[in-house]
Amino acid sequence: LAAFYHDSLDITDKDHREITAHRLISK
């Protein structure tokens, strides 16, 4: 999935962490 959603992989960015958490639970 990191190859498909590499637009939000900055782990220092709080918004990126939120987006990724939602994506994982959703998908």
mmCIF file of all heavy atoms, coordinates in Angstrom:
data_MODEL
# 
_entry.id   MODEL 
# 
loop_
_atom_site.group_PDB 
_atom_site.id 
_atom_site.type_symbol 
_atom_site.label_atom_id 
_atom_site.label_alt_id 
_atom_site.label_comp_id 
_atom_site.label_asym_id 
_atom_site.label_entity_id 
_atom_site.label_seq_id 
_atom_site.pdbx_PDB_ins_code 
_atom_site.Cartn_x 
_atom_site.Cartn_y 
_atom_site.Cartn_z 
_atom_site.occupancy 
_atom_site.B_iso_or_equiv 
_atom_site.pdbx_formal_charge 
_atom_site.auth_seq_id 
_atom_site.auth_comp_id 
_atom_site.auth_asym_id 
_atom_site.auth_atom_id 
_atom_site.pdbx_PDB_model_num 
ATOM 1   N N   . LEU A 1 1  ? 0.826   -1.218 0.000  1.00 0.00 ? 1  LEU A N   1 
ATOM 2   C CA  . LEU A 1 1  ? 0.000   0.000  0.000  1.00 0.00 ? 1  LEU A CA  1 
ATOM 3   C C   . LEU A 1 1  ? 0.858   1.265  0.000  1.00 0.00 ? 1  LEU A C   1 
ATOM 4   O O   . LEU A 1 1  ? 0.427   2.318  -0.495 1.00 0.00 ? 1  LEU A O   1 
ATOM 5   C CB  . LEU A 1 1  ? -0.943  0.014  1.214  1.00 0.00 ? 1  LEU A CB  1 
ATOM 6   C CG  . LEU A 1 1  ? -2.086  -1.001 1.216  1.00 0.00 ? 1  LEU A CG  1 
ATOM 7   C CD1 . LEU A 1 1  ? -2.885  -0.890 2.512  1.00 0.00 ? 1  LEU A CD1 1 
ATOM 8   C CD2 . LEU A 1 1  ? -3.007  -0.795 0.013  1.00 0.00 ? 1  LEU A CD2 1 
ATOM 9   N N   . ALA A 1 2  ? 2.060   1.151  0.543  1.00 0.00 ? 2  ALA A N   1 
ATOM 10  C CA  . ALA A 1 2  ? 2.959   2.310  0.549  1.00 0.00 ? 2  ALA A CA  1 
ATOM 11  C C   . ALA A 1 2  ? 3.309   2.759  -0.858 1.00 0.00 ? 2  ALA A C   1 
ATOM 12  O O   . ALA A 1 2  ? 3.632   3.932  -1.087 1.00 0.00 ? 2  ALA A O   1 
ATOM 13  C CB  . ALA A 1 2  ? 4.234   1.977  1.327  1.00 0.00 ? 2  ALA A CB  1 
ATOM 14  N N   . ALA A 1 3  ? 3.249   1.834  -1.814 1.00 0.00 ? 3  ALA A N   1 
ATOM 15  C CA  . ALA A 1 3  ? 3.546   2.183  -3.203 1.00 0.00 ? 3  ALA A CA  1 
ATOM 16  C C   . ALA A 1 3  ? 2.374   2.894  -3.870 1.00 0.00 ? 3  ALA A C   1 
ATOM 17  O O   . ALA A 1 3  ? 2.547   3.576  -4.878 1.00 0.00 ? 3  ALA A O   1 
ATOM 18  C CB  . ALA A 1 3  ? 3.901   0.919  -3.997 1.00 0.00 ? 3  ALA A CB  1 
ATOM 19  N N   . PHE A 1 4  ? 1.182   2.740  -3.309 1.00 0.00 ? 4  PHE A N   1 
ATOM 20  C CA  . PHE A 1 4  ? -0.014  3.354  -3.882 1.00 0.00 ? 4  PHE A CA  1 
ATOM 21  C C   . PHE A 1 4  ? -0.400  4.650  -3.175 1.00 0.00 ? 4  PHE A C   1 
ATOM 22  O O   . PHE A 1 4  ? -1.021  5.525  -3.769 1.00 0.00 ? 4  PHE A O   1 
ATOM 23  C CB  . PHE A 1 4  ? -1.188  2.367  -3.812 1.00 0.00 ? 4  PHE A CB  1 
ATOM 24  C CG  . PHE A 1 4  ? -1.009  1.164  -4.694 1.00 0.00 ? 4  PHE A CG  1 
ATOM 25  C CD1 . PHE A 1 4  ? -0.385  0.026  -4.225 1.00 0.00 ? 4  PHE A CD1 1 
ATOM 26  C CD2 . PHE A 1 4  ? -1.454  1.179  -6.009 1.00 0.00 ? 4  PHE A CD2 1 
ATOM 27  C CE1 . PHE A 1 4  ? -0.213  -1.082 -5.037 1.00 0.00 ? 4  PHE A CE1 1 
ATOM 28  C CE2 . PHE A 1 4  ? -1.292  0.078  -6.835 1.00 0.00 ? 4  PHE A CE2 1 
ATOM 29  C CZ  . PHE A 1 4  ? -0.671  -1.057 -6.351 1.00 0.00 ? 4  PHE A CZ  1 
ATOM 30  N N   . TYR A 1 5  ? -0.056  4.757  -1.898 1.00 0.00 ? 5  TYR A N   1 
ATOM 31  C CA  . TYR A 1 5  ? -0.454  5.935  -1.115 1.00 0.00 ? 5  TYR A CA  1 
ATOM 32  C C   . TYR A 1 5  ? 0.781   6.618  -0.530 1.00 0.00 ? 5  TYR A C   1 
ATOM 33  O O   . TYR A 1 5  ? 0.849   6.909  0.665  1.00 0.00 ? 5  TYR A O   1 
ATOM 34  C CB  . TYR A 1 5  ? -1.432  5.510  -0.013 1.00 0.00 ? 5  TYR A CB  1 
ATOM 35  C CG  . TYR A 1 5  ? -2.649  4.805  -0.551 1.00 0.00 ? 5  TYR A CG  1 
ATOM 36  C CD1 . TYR A 1 5  ? -2.832  3.433  -0.378 1.00 0.00 ? 5  TYR A CD1 1 
ATOM 37  C CD2 . TYR A 1 5  ? -3.611  5.507  -1.278 1.00 0.00 ? 5  TYR A CD2 1 
ATOM 38  C CE1 . TYR A 1 5  ? -3.947  2.783  -0.894 1.00 0.00 ? 5  TYR A CE1 1 
ATOM 39  C CE2 . TYR A 1 5  ? -4.727  4.866  -1.792 1.00 0.00 ? 5  TYR A CE2 1 
ATOM 40  C CZ  . TYR A 1 5  ? -4.880  3.503  -1.603 1.00 0.00 ? 5  TYR A CZ  1 
ATOM 41  O OH  . TYR A 1 5  ? -5.984  2.872  -2.126 1.00 0.00 ? 5  TYR A OH  1 
ATOM 42  N N   . HIS A 1 6  ? 1.768   6.872  -1.406 1.00 0.00 ? 6  HIS A N   1 
ATOM 43  C CA  . HIS A 1 6  ? 3.013   7.477  -0.948 1.00 0.00 ? 6  HIS A CA  1 
ATOM 44  C C   . HIS A 1 6  ? 2.909   8.987  -0.781 1.00 0.00 ? 6  HIS A C   1 
ATOM 45  O O   . HIS A 1 6  ? 3.902   9.649  -0.483 1.00 0.00 ? 6  HIS A O   1 
ATOM 46  C CB  . HIS A 1 6  ? 4.159   7.132  -1.909 1.00 0.00 ? 6  HIS A CB  1 
ATOM 47  C CG  . HIS A 1 6  ? 3.843   7.375  -3.355 1.00 0.00 ? 6  HIS A CG  1 
ATOM 48  N ND1 . HIS A 1 6  ? 3.801   8.627  -3.904 1.00 0.00 ? 6  HIS A ND1 1 
ATOM 49  C CD2 . HIS A 1 6  ? 3.542   6.506  -4.351 1.00 0.00 ? 6  HIS A CD2 1 
ATOM 50  C CE1 . HIS A 1 6  ? 3.488   8.538  -5.182 1.00 0.00 ? 6  HIS A CE1 1 
ATOM 51  N NE2 . HIS A 1 6  ? 3.314   7.258  -5.487 1.00 0.00 ? 6  HIS A NE2 1 
ATOM 52  N N   . ASP A 1 7  ? 1.706   9.536  -0.967 1.00 0.00 ? 7  ASP A N   1 
ATOM 53  C CA  . ASP A 1 7  ? 1.511   10.979 -0.828 1.00 0.00 ? 7  ASP A CA  1 
ATOM 54  C C   . ASP A 1 7  ? 1.401   11.410 0.638  1.00 0.00 ? 7  ASP A C   1 
ATOM 55  O O   . ASP A 1 7  ? 1.377   12.601 0.933  1.00 0.00 ? 7  ASP A O   1 
ATOM 56  C CB  . ASP A 1 7  ? 0.243   11.411 -1.569 1.00 0.00 ? 7  ASP A CB  1 
ATOM 57  C CG  . ASP A 1 7  ? -1.002  10.714 -1.042 1.00 0.00 ? 7  ASP A CG  1 
ATOM 58  O OD1 . ASP A 1 7  ? -0.893  9.537  -0.628 1.00 0.00 ? 7  ASP A OD1 1 
ATOM 59  O OD2 . ASP A 1 7  ? -2.085  11.341 -1.046 1.00 0.00 ? 7  ASP A OD2 1 
ATOM 60  N N   . SER A 1 8  ? 1.307   10.432 1.552  1.00 0.00 ? 8  SER A N   1 
ATOM 61  C CA  . SER A 1 8  ? 1.095   10.802 2.964  1.00 0.00 ? 8  SER A CA  1 
ATOM 62  C C   . SER A 1 8  ? 1.912   9.905  3.886  1.00 0.00 ? 8  SER A C   1 
ATOM 63  O O   . SER A 1 8  ? 1.395   9.362  4.860  1.00 0.00 ? 8  SER A O   1 
ATOM 64  C CB  . SER A 1 8  ? -0.392  10.689 3.315  1.00 0.00 ? 8  SER A CB  1 
ATOM 65  O OG  . SER A 1 8  ? -0.890  9.401  2.972  1.00 0.00 ? 8  SER A OG  1 
ATOM 66  N N   . LEU A 1 9  ? 3.200   9.764  3.584  1.00 0.00 ? 9  LEU A N   1 
ATOM 67  C CA  . LEU A 1 9  ? 4.058   8.875  4.366  1.00 0.00 ? 9  LEU A CA  1 
ATOM 68  C C   . LEU A 1 9  ? 5.060   9.611  5.248  1.00 0.00 ? 9  LEU A C   1 
ATOM 69  O O   . LEU A 1 9  ? 5.987   9.001  5.779  1.00 0.00 ? 9  LEU A O   1 
ATOM 70  C CB  . LEU A 1 9  ? 4.819   7.927  3.425  1.00 0.00 ? 9  LEU A CB  1 
ATOM 71  C CG  . LEU A 1 9  ? 3.966   6.912  2.656  1.00 0.00 ? 9  LEU A CG  1 
ATOM 72  C CD1 . LEU A 1 9  ? 4.856   6.016  1.798  1.00 0.00 ? 9  LEU A CD1 1 
ATOM 73  C CD2 . LEU A 1 9  ? 3.139   6.065  3.606  1.00 0.00 ? 9  LEU A CD2 1 
ATOM 74  N N   . ASP A 1 10 ? 4.870   10.907 5.420  1.00 0.00 ? 10 ASP A N   1 
ATOM 75  C CA  . ASP A 1 10 ? 5.749   11.674 6.305  1.00 0.00 ? 10 ASP A CA  1 
ATOM 76  C C   . ASP A 1 10 ? 5.292   11.445 7.741  1.00 0.00 ? 10 ASP A C   1 
ATOM 77  O O   . ASP A 1 10 ? 4.310   12.035 8.194  1.00 0.00 ? 10 ASP A O   1 
ATOM 78  C CB  . ASP A 1 10 ? 5.693   13.160 5.954  1.00 0.00 ? 10 ASP A CB  1 
ATOM 79  C CG  . ASP A 1 10 ? 6.628   14.003 6.814  1.00 0.00 ? 10 ASP A CG  1 
ATOM 80  O OD1 . ASP A 1 10 ? 7.285   13.432 7.713  1.00 0.00 ? 10 ASP A OD1 1 
ATOM 81  O OD2 . ASP A 1 10 ? 6.687   15.224 6.599  1.00 0.00 ? 10 ASP A OD2 1 
ATOM 82  N N   . ILE A 1 11 ? 6.001   10.575 8.457  1.00 0.00 ? 11 ILE A N   1 
ATOM 83  C CA  . ILE A 1 11 ? 5.540   10.196 9.792  1.00 0.00 ? 11 ILE A CA  1 
ATOM 84  C C   . ILE A 1 11 ? 5.673   11.336 10.802 1.00 0.00 ? 11 ILE A C   1 
ATOM 85  O O   . ILE A 1 11 ? 5.104   11.264 11.893 1.00 0.00 ? 11 ILE A O   1 
ATOM 86  C CB  . ILE A 1 11 ? 6.282   8.950  10.310 1.00 0.00 ? 11 ILE A CB  1 
ATOM 87  C CG1 . ILE A 1 11 ? 7.765   9.238  10.520 1.00 0.00 ? 11 ILE A CG1 1 
ATOM 88  C CG2 . ILE A 1 11 ? 6.080   7.774  9.372  1.00 0.00 ? 11 ILE A CG2 1 
ATOM 89  C CD1 . ILE A 1 11 ? 8.513   8.101  11.214 1.00 0.00 ? 11 ILE A CD1 1 
ATOM 90  N N   . THR A 1 12 ? 6.406   12.394 10.453 1.00 0.00 ? 12 THR A N   1 
ATOM 91  C CA  . THR A 1 12 ? 6.509   13.561 11.348 1.00 0.00 ? 12 THR A CA  1 
ATOM 92  C C   . THR A 1 12 ? 5.331   14.506 11.178 1.00 0.00 ? 12 THR A C   1 
ATOM 93  O O   . THR A 1 12 ? 5.178   15.434 11.958 1.00 0.00 ? 12 THR A O   1 
ATOM 94  C CB  . THR A 1 12 ? 7.815   14.326 11.092 1.00 0.00 ? 12 THR A CB  1 
ATOM 95  O OG1 . THR A 1 12 ? 7.791   14.899 9.768  1.00 0.00 ? 12 THR A OG1 1 
ATOM 96  C CG2 . THR A 1 12 ? 9.024   13.410 11.211 1.00 0.00 ? 12 THR A CG2 1 
ATOM 97  N N   . ASP A 1 13 ? 4.519   14.286 10.169 1.00 0.00 ? 13 ASP A N   1 
ATOM 98  C CA  . ASP A 1 13 ? 3.365   15.134 9.883  1.00 0.00 ? 13 ASP A CA  1 
ATOM 99  C C   . ASP A 1 13 ? 2.114   14.527 10.525 1.00 0.00 ? 13 ASP A C   1 
ATOM 100 O O   . ASP A 1 13 ? 1.696   13.424 10.157 1.00 0.00 ? 13 ASP A O   1 
ATOM 101 C CB  . ASP A 1 13 ? 3.178   15.261 8.371  1.00 0.00 ? 13 ASP A CB  1 
ATOM 102 C CG  . ASP A 1 13 ? 2.111   16.275 7.985  1.00 0.00 ? 13 ASP A CG  1 
ATOM 103 O OD1 . ASP A 1 13 ? 1.015   16.242 8.576  1.00 0.00 ? 13 ASP A OD1 1 
ATOM 104 O OD2 . ASP A 1 13 ? 2.378   17.092 7.083  1.00 0.00 ? 13 ASP A OD2 1 
ATOM 105 N N   . LYS A 1 14 ? 1.517   15.225 11.473 1.00 0.00 ? 14 LYS A N   1 
ATOM 106 C CA  . LYS A 1 14 ? 0.347   14.708 12.194 1.00 0.00 ? 14 LYS A CA  1 
ATOM 107 C C   . LYS A 1 14 ? -0.801  14.406 11.256 1.00 0.00 ? 14 LYS A C   1 
ATOM 108 O O   . LYS A 1 14 ? -1.501  13.390 11.406 1.00 0.00 ? 14 LYS A O   1 
ATOM 109 C CB  . LYS A 1 14 ? -0.103  15.723 13.255 1.00 0.00 ? 14 LYS A CB  1 
ATOM 110 C CG  . LYS A 1 14 ? -1.275  15.236 14.102 1.00 0.00 ? 14 LYS A CG  1 
ATOM 111 C CD  . LYS A 1 14 ? -1.651  16.256 15.155 1.00 0.00 ? 14 LYS A CD  1 
ATOM 112 C CE  . LYS A 1 14 ? -2.836  15.761 15.979 1.00 0.00 ? 14 LYS A CE  1 
ATOM 113 N NZ  . LYS A 1 14 ? -3.250  16.759 17.012 1.00 0.00 ? 14 LYS A NZ  1 
ATOM 114 N N   . ASP A 1 15 ? -1.016  15.253 10.253 1.00 0.00 ? 15 ASP A N   1 
ATOM 115 C CA  . ASP A 1 15 ? -2.109  15.014 9.297  1.00 0.00 ? 15 ASP A CA  1 
ATOM 116 C C   . ASP A 1 15 ? -1.863  13.751 8.480  1.00 0.00 ? 15 ASP A C   1 
ATOM 117 O O   . ASP A 1 15 ? -2.807  12.998 8.194  1.00 0.00 ? 15 ASP A O   1 
ATOM 118 C CB  . ASP A 1 15 ? -2.268  16.221 8.368  1.00 0.00 ? 15 ASP A CB  1 
ATOM 119 C CG  . ASP A 1 15 ? -2.805  17.446 9.091  1.00 0.00 ? 15 ASP A CG  1 
ATOM 120 O OD1 . ASP A 1 15 ? -3.463  17.281 10.140 1.00 0.00 ? 15 ASP A OD1 1 
ATOM 121 O OD2 . ASP A 1 15 ? -2.571  18.570 8.612  1.00 0.00 ? 15 ASP A OD2 1 
ATOM 122 N N   . HIS A 1 16 ? -0.630  13.519 8.114  1.00 0.00 ? 16 HIS A N   1 
ATOM 123 C CA  . HIS A 1 16 ? -0.298  12.297 7.374  1.00 0.00 ? 16 HIS A CA  1 
ATOM 124 C C   . HIS A 1 16 ? -0.570  11.058 8.224  1.00 0.00 ? 16 HIS A C   1 
ATOM 125 O O   . HIS A 1 16 ? -1.056  10.039 7.713  1.00 0.00 ? 16 HIS A O   1 
ATOM 126 C CB  . HIS A 1 16 ? 1.168   12.314 6.941  1.00 0.00 ? 16 HIS A CB  1 
ATOM 127 C CG  . HIS A 1 16 ? 1.428   13.183 5.753  1.00 0.00 ? 16 HIS A CG  1 
ATOM 128 N ND1 . HIS A 1 16 ? 2.524   13.014 4.918  1.00 0.00 ? 16 HIS A ND1 1 
ATOM 129 C CD2 . HIS A 1 16 ? 0.737   14.234 5.237  1.00 0.00 ? 16 HIS A CD2 1 
ATOM 130 C CE1 . HIS A 1 16 ? 2.493   13.920 3.950  1.00 0.00 ? 16 HIS A CE1 1 
ATOM 131 N NE2 . HIS A 1 16 ? 1.419   14.677 4.138  1.00 0.00 ? 16 HIS A NE2 1 
ATOM 132 N N   . ARG A 1 17 ? -0.247  11.147 9.512  1.00 0.00 ? 17 ARG A N   1 
ATOM 133 C CA  . ARG A 1 17 ? -0.498  10.014 10.404 1.00 0.00 ? 17 ARG A CA  1 
ATOM 134 C C   . ARG A 1 17 ? -1.997  9.733  10.507 1.00 0.00 ? 17 ARG A C   1 
ATOM 135 O O   . ARG A 1 17 ? -2.420  8.567  10.527 1.00 0.00 ? 17 ARG A O   1 
ATOM 136 C CB  . ARG A 1 17 ? 0.101   10.274 11.789 1.00 0.00 ? 17 ARG A CB  1 
ATOM 137 C CG  . ARG A 1 17 ? 1.624   10.420 11.782 1.00 0.00 ? 17 ARG A CG  1 
ATOM 138 C CD  . ARG A 1 17 ? 2.220   10.238 13.165 1.00 0.00 ? 17 ARG A CD  1 
ATOM 139 N NE  . ARG A 1 17 ? 1.816   11.242 14.130 1.00 0.00 ? 17 ARG A NE  1 
ATOM 140 C CZ  . ARG A 1 17 ? 2.488   12.364 14.375 1.00 0.00 ? 17 ARG A CZ  1 
ATOM 141 N NH1 . ARG A 1 17 ? 3.609   12.622 13.687 1.00 0.00 ? 17 ARG A NH1 1 
ATOM 142 N NH2 . ARG A 1 17 ? 2.066   13.210 15.288 1.00 0.00 ? 17 ARG A NH2 1 
ATOM 143 N N   . GLU A 1 18 ? -2.797  10.791 10.556 1.00 0.00 ? 18 GLU A N   1 
ATOM 144 C CA  . GLU A 1 18 ? -4.253  10.625 10.628 1.00 0.00 ? 18 GLU A CA  1 
ATOM 145 C C   . GLU A 1 18 ? -4.788  9.980  9.348  1.00 0.00 ? 18 GLU A C   1 
ATOM 146 O O   . GLU A 1 18 ? -5.592  9.039  9.401  1.00 0.00 ? 18 GLU A O   1 
ATOM 147 C CB  . GLU A 1 18 ? -4.927  11.993 10.828 1.00 0.00 ? 18 GLU A CB  1 
ATOM 148 C CG  . GLU A 1 18 ? -4.712  12.603 12.202 1.00 0.00 ? 18 GLU A CG  1 
ATOM 149 C CD  . GLU A 1 18 ? -5.392  11.809 13.290 1.00 0.00 ? 18 GLU A CD  1 
ATOM 150 O OE1 . GLU A 1 18 ? -6.623  11.626 13.223 1.00 0.00 ? 18 GLU A OE1 1 
ATOM 151 O OE2 . GLU A 1 18 ? -4.681  11.330 14.190 1.00 0.00 ? 18 GLU A OE2 1 
ATOM 152 N N   . ILE A 1 19 ? -4.355  10.491 8.226  1.00 0.00 ? 19 ILE A N   1 
ATOM 153 C CA  . ILE A 1 19 ? -4.822  9.971  6.935  1.00 0.00 ? 19 ILE A CA  1 
ATOM 154 C C   . ILE A 1 19 ? -4.501  8.488  6.803  1.00 0.00 ? 19 ILE A C   1 
ATOM 155 O O   . ILE A 1 19 ? -5.340  7.679  6.388  1.00 0.00 ? 19 ILE A O   1 
ATOM 156 C CB  . ILE A 1 19 ? -4.189  10.769 5.773  1.00 0.00 ? 19 ILE A CB  1 
ATOM 157 C CG1 . ILE A 1 19 ? -4.746  12.200 5.739  1.00 0.00 ? 19 ILE A CG1 1 
ATOM 158 C CG2 . ILE A 1 19 ? -4.433  10.075 4.430  1.00 0.00 ? 19 ILE A CG2 1 
ATOM 159 C CD1 . ILE A 1 19 ? -3.990  13.124 4.801  1.00 0.00 ? 19 ILE A CD1 1 
ATOM 160 N N   . THR A 1 20 ? -3.280  8.127  7.179  1.00 0.00 ? 20 THR A N   1 
ATOM 161 C CA  . THR A 1 20 ? -2.861  6.735  7.052  1.00 0.00 ? 20 THR A CA  1 
ATOM 162 C C   . THR A 1 20 ? -3.646  5.835  7.994  1.00 0.00 ? 20 THR A C   1 
ATOM 163 O O   . THR A 1 20 ? -4.036  4.720  7.621  1.00 0.00 ? 20 THR A O   1 
ATOM 164 C CB  . THR A 1 20 ? -1.355  6.602  7.328  1.00 0.00 ? 20 THR A CB  1 
ATOM 165 O OG1 . THR A 1 20 ? -0.635  7.443  6.413  1.00 0.00 ? 20 THR A OG1 1 
ATOM 166 C CG2 . THR A 1 20 ? -0.899  5.172  7.150  1.00 0.00 ? 20 THR A CG2 1 
ATOM 167 N N   . ALA A 1 21 ? -3.898  6.289  9.211  1.00 0.00 ? 21 ALA A N   1 
ATOM 168 C CA  . ALA A 1 21 ? -4.691  5.504  10.160 1.00 0.00 ? 21 ALA A CA  1 
ATOM 169 C C   . ALA A 1 21 ? -6.079  5.236  9.598  1.00 0.00 ? 21 ALA A C   1 
ATOM 170 O O   . ALA A 1 21 ? -6.587  4.111  9.649  1.00 0.00 ? 21 ALA A O   1 
ATOM 171 C CB  . ALA A 1 21 ? -4.784  6.232  11.498 1.00 0.00 ? 21 ALA A CB  1 
ATOM 172 N N   . HIS A 1 22 ? -6.700  6.266  9.045  1.00 0.00 ? 22 HIS A N   1 
ATOM 173 C CA  . HIS A 1 22 ? -8.036  6.114  8.462  1.00 0.00 ? 22 HIS A CA  1 
ATOM 174 C C   . HIS A 1 22 ? -7.999  5.178  7.252  1.00 0.00 ? 22 HIS A C   1 
ATOM 175 O O   . HIS A 1 22 ? -8.902  4.348  7.065  1.00 0.00 ? 22 HIS A O   1 
ATOM 176 C CB  . HIS A 1 22 ? -8.596  7.475  8.076  1.00 0.00 ? 22 HIS A CB  1 
ATOM 177 C CG  . HIS A 1 22 ? -8.854  8.366  9.252  1.00 0.00 ? 22 HIS A CG  1 
ATOM 178 N ND1 . HIS A 1 22 ? -9.040  9.721  9.145  1.00 0.00 ? 22 HIS A ND1 1 
ATOM 179 C CD2 . HIS A 1 22 ? -8.945  8.092  10.581 1.00 0.00 ? 22 HIS A CD2 1 
ATOM 180 C CE1 . HIS A 1 22 ? -9.242  10.252 10.338 1.00 0.00 ? 22 HIS A CE1 1 
ATOM 181 N NE2 . HIS A 1 22 ? -9.177  9.276  11.223 1.00 0.00 ? 22 HIS A NE2 1 
ATOM 182 N N   . ARG A 1 23 ? -6.980  5.323  6.441  1.00 0.00 ? 23 ARG A N   1 
ATOM 183 C CA  . ARG A 1 23 ? -6.875  4.469  5.249  1.00 0.00 ? 23 ARG A CA  1 
ATOM 184 C C   . ARG A 1 23 ? -6.759  2.990  5.632  1.00 0.00 ? 23 ARG A C   1 
ATOM 185 O O   . ARG A 1 23 ? -7.396  2.125  5.034  1.00 0.00 ? 23 ARG A O   1 
ATOM 186 C CB  . ARG A 1 23 ? -5.662  4.879  4.406  1.00 0.00 ? 23 ARG A CB  1 
ATOM 187 C CG  . ARG A 1 23 ? -5.926  6.045  3.484  1.00 0.00 ? 23 ARG A CG  1 
ATOM 188 C CD  . ARG A 1 23 ? -4.687  6.444  2.704  1.00 0.00 ? 23 ARG A CD  1 
ATOM 189 N NE  . ARG A 1 23 ? -5.023  7.433  1.668  1.00 0.00 ? 23 ARG A NE  1 
ATOM 190 C CZ  . ARG A 1 23 ? -4.148  8.226  1.080  1.00 0.00 ? 23 ARG A CZ  1 
ATOM 191 N NH1 . ARG A 1 23 ? -2.864  8.175  1.422  1.00 0.00 ? 23 ARG A NH1 1 
ATOM 192 N NH2 . ARG A 1 23 ? -4.539  9.079  0.158  1.00 0.00 ? 23 ARG A NH2 1 
ATOM 193 N N   . LEU A 1 24 ? -5.943  2.716  6.614  1.00 0.00 ? 24 LEU A N   1 
ATOM 194 C CA  . LEU A 1 24 ? -5.747  1.323  7.004  1.00 0.00 ? 24 LEU A CA  1 
ATOM 195 C C   . LEU A 1 24 ? -7.029  0.707  7.552  1.00 0.00 ? 24 LEU A C   1 
ATOM 196 O O   . LEU A 1 24 ? -7.408  -0.401 7.178  1.00 0.00 ? 24 LEU A O   1 
ATOM 197 C CB  . LEU A 1 24 ? -4.615  1.225  8.032  1.00 0.00 ? 24 LEU A CB  1 
ATOM 198 C CG  . LEU A 1 24 ? -3.209  1.206  7.431  1.00 0.00 ? 24 LEU A CG  1 
ATOM 199 C CD1 . LEU A 1 24 ? -2.161  1.577  8.463  1.00 0.00 ? 24 LEU A CD1 1 
ATOM 200 C CD2 . LEU A 1 24 ? -2.909  -0.169 6.844  1.00 0.00 ? 24 LEU A CD2 1 
ATOM 201 N N   . ILE A 1 25 ? -7.705  1.414  8.453  1.00 0.00 ? 25 ILE A N   1 
ATOM 202 C CA  . ILE A 1 25 ? -8.951  0.887  9.023  1.00 0.00 ? 25 ILE A CA  1 
ATOM 203 C C   . ILE A 1 25 ? -10.014 0.744  7.941  1.00 0.00 ? 25 ILE A C   1 
ATOM 204 O O   . ILE A 1 25 ? -10.783 -0.219 7.933  1.00 0.00 ? 25 ILE A O   1 
ATOM 205 C CB  . ILE A 1 25 ? -9.436  1.799  10.175 1.00 0.00 ? 25 ILE A CB  1 
ATOM 206 C CG1 . ILE A 1 25 ? -8.433  1.743  11.343 1.00 0.00 ? 25 ILE A CG1 1 
ATOM 207 C CG2 . ILE A 1 25 ? -10.824 1.373  10.652 1.00 0.00 ? 25 ILE A CG2 1 
ATOM 208 C CD1 . ILE A 1 25 ? -8.702  2.753  12.435 1.00 0.00 ? 25 ILE A CD1 1 
ATOM 209 N N   . SER A 1 26 ? -10.042 1.685  7.002  1.00 0.00 ? 26 SER A N   1 
ATOM 210 C CA  . SER A 1 26 ? -11.036 1.657  5.920  1.00 0.00 ? 26 SER A CA  1 
ATOM 211 C C   . SER A 1 26 ? -10.817 0.492  4.968  1.00 0.00 ? 26 SER A C   1 
ATOM 212 O O   . SER A 1 26 ? -11.769 -0.181 4.553  1.00 0.00 ? 26 SER A O   1 
ATOM 213 C CB  . SER A 1 26 ? -10.988 2.960  5.115  1.00 0.00 ? 26 SER A CB  1 
ATOM 214 O OG  . SER A 1 26 ? -11.288 4.076  5.903  1.00 0.00 ? 26 SER A OG  1 
ATOM 215 N N   . LYS A 1 27 ? -9.572  0.263  4.599  1.00 0.00 ? 27 LYS A N   1 
ATOM 216 C CA  . LYS A 1 27 ? -9.283  -0.639 3.476  1.00 0.00 ? 27 LYS A CA  1 
ATOM 217 C C   . LYS A 1 27 ? -8.982  -2.083 3.889  1.00 0.00 ? 27 LYS A C   1 
ATOM 218 O O   . LYS A 1 27 ? -9.001  -2.983 3.041  1.00 0.00 ? 27 LYS A O   1 
ATOM 219 C CB  . LYS A 1 27 ? -8.122  -0.063 2.649  1.00 0.00 ? 27 LYS A CB  1 
ATOM 220 C CG  . LYS A 1 27 ? -8.465  1.317  2.072  1.00 0.00 ? 27 LYS A CG  1 
ATOM 221 C CD  . LYS A 1 27 ? -7.347  1.919  1.280  1.00 0.00 ? 27 LYS A CD  1 
ATOM 222 C CE  . LYS A 1 27 ? -7.622  3.389  0.968  1.00 0.00 ? 27 LYS A CE  1 
ATOM 223 N NZ  . LYS A 1 27 ? -8.938  3.640  0.358  1.00 0.00 ? 27 LYS A NZ  1 
# 
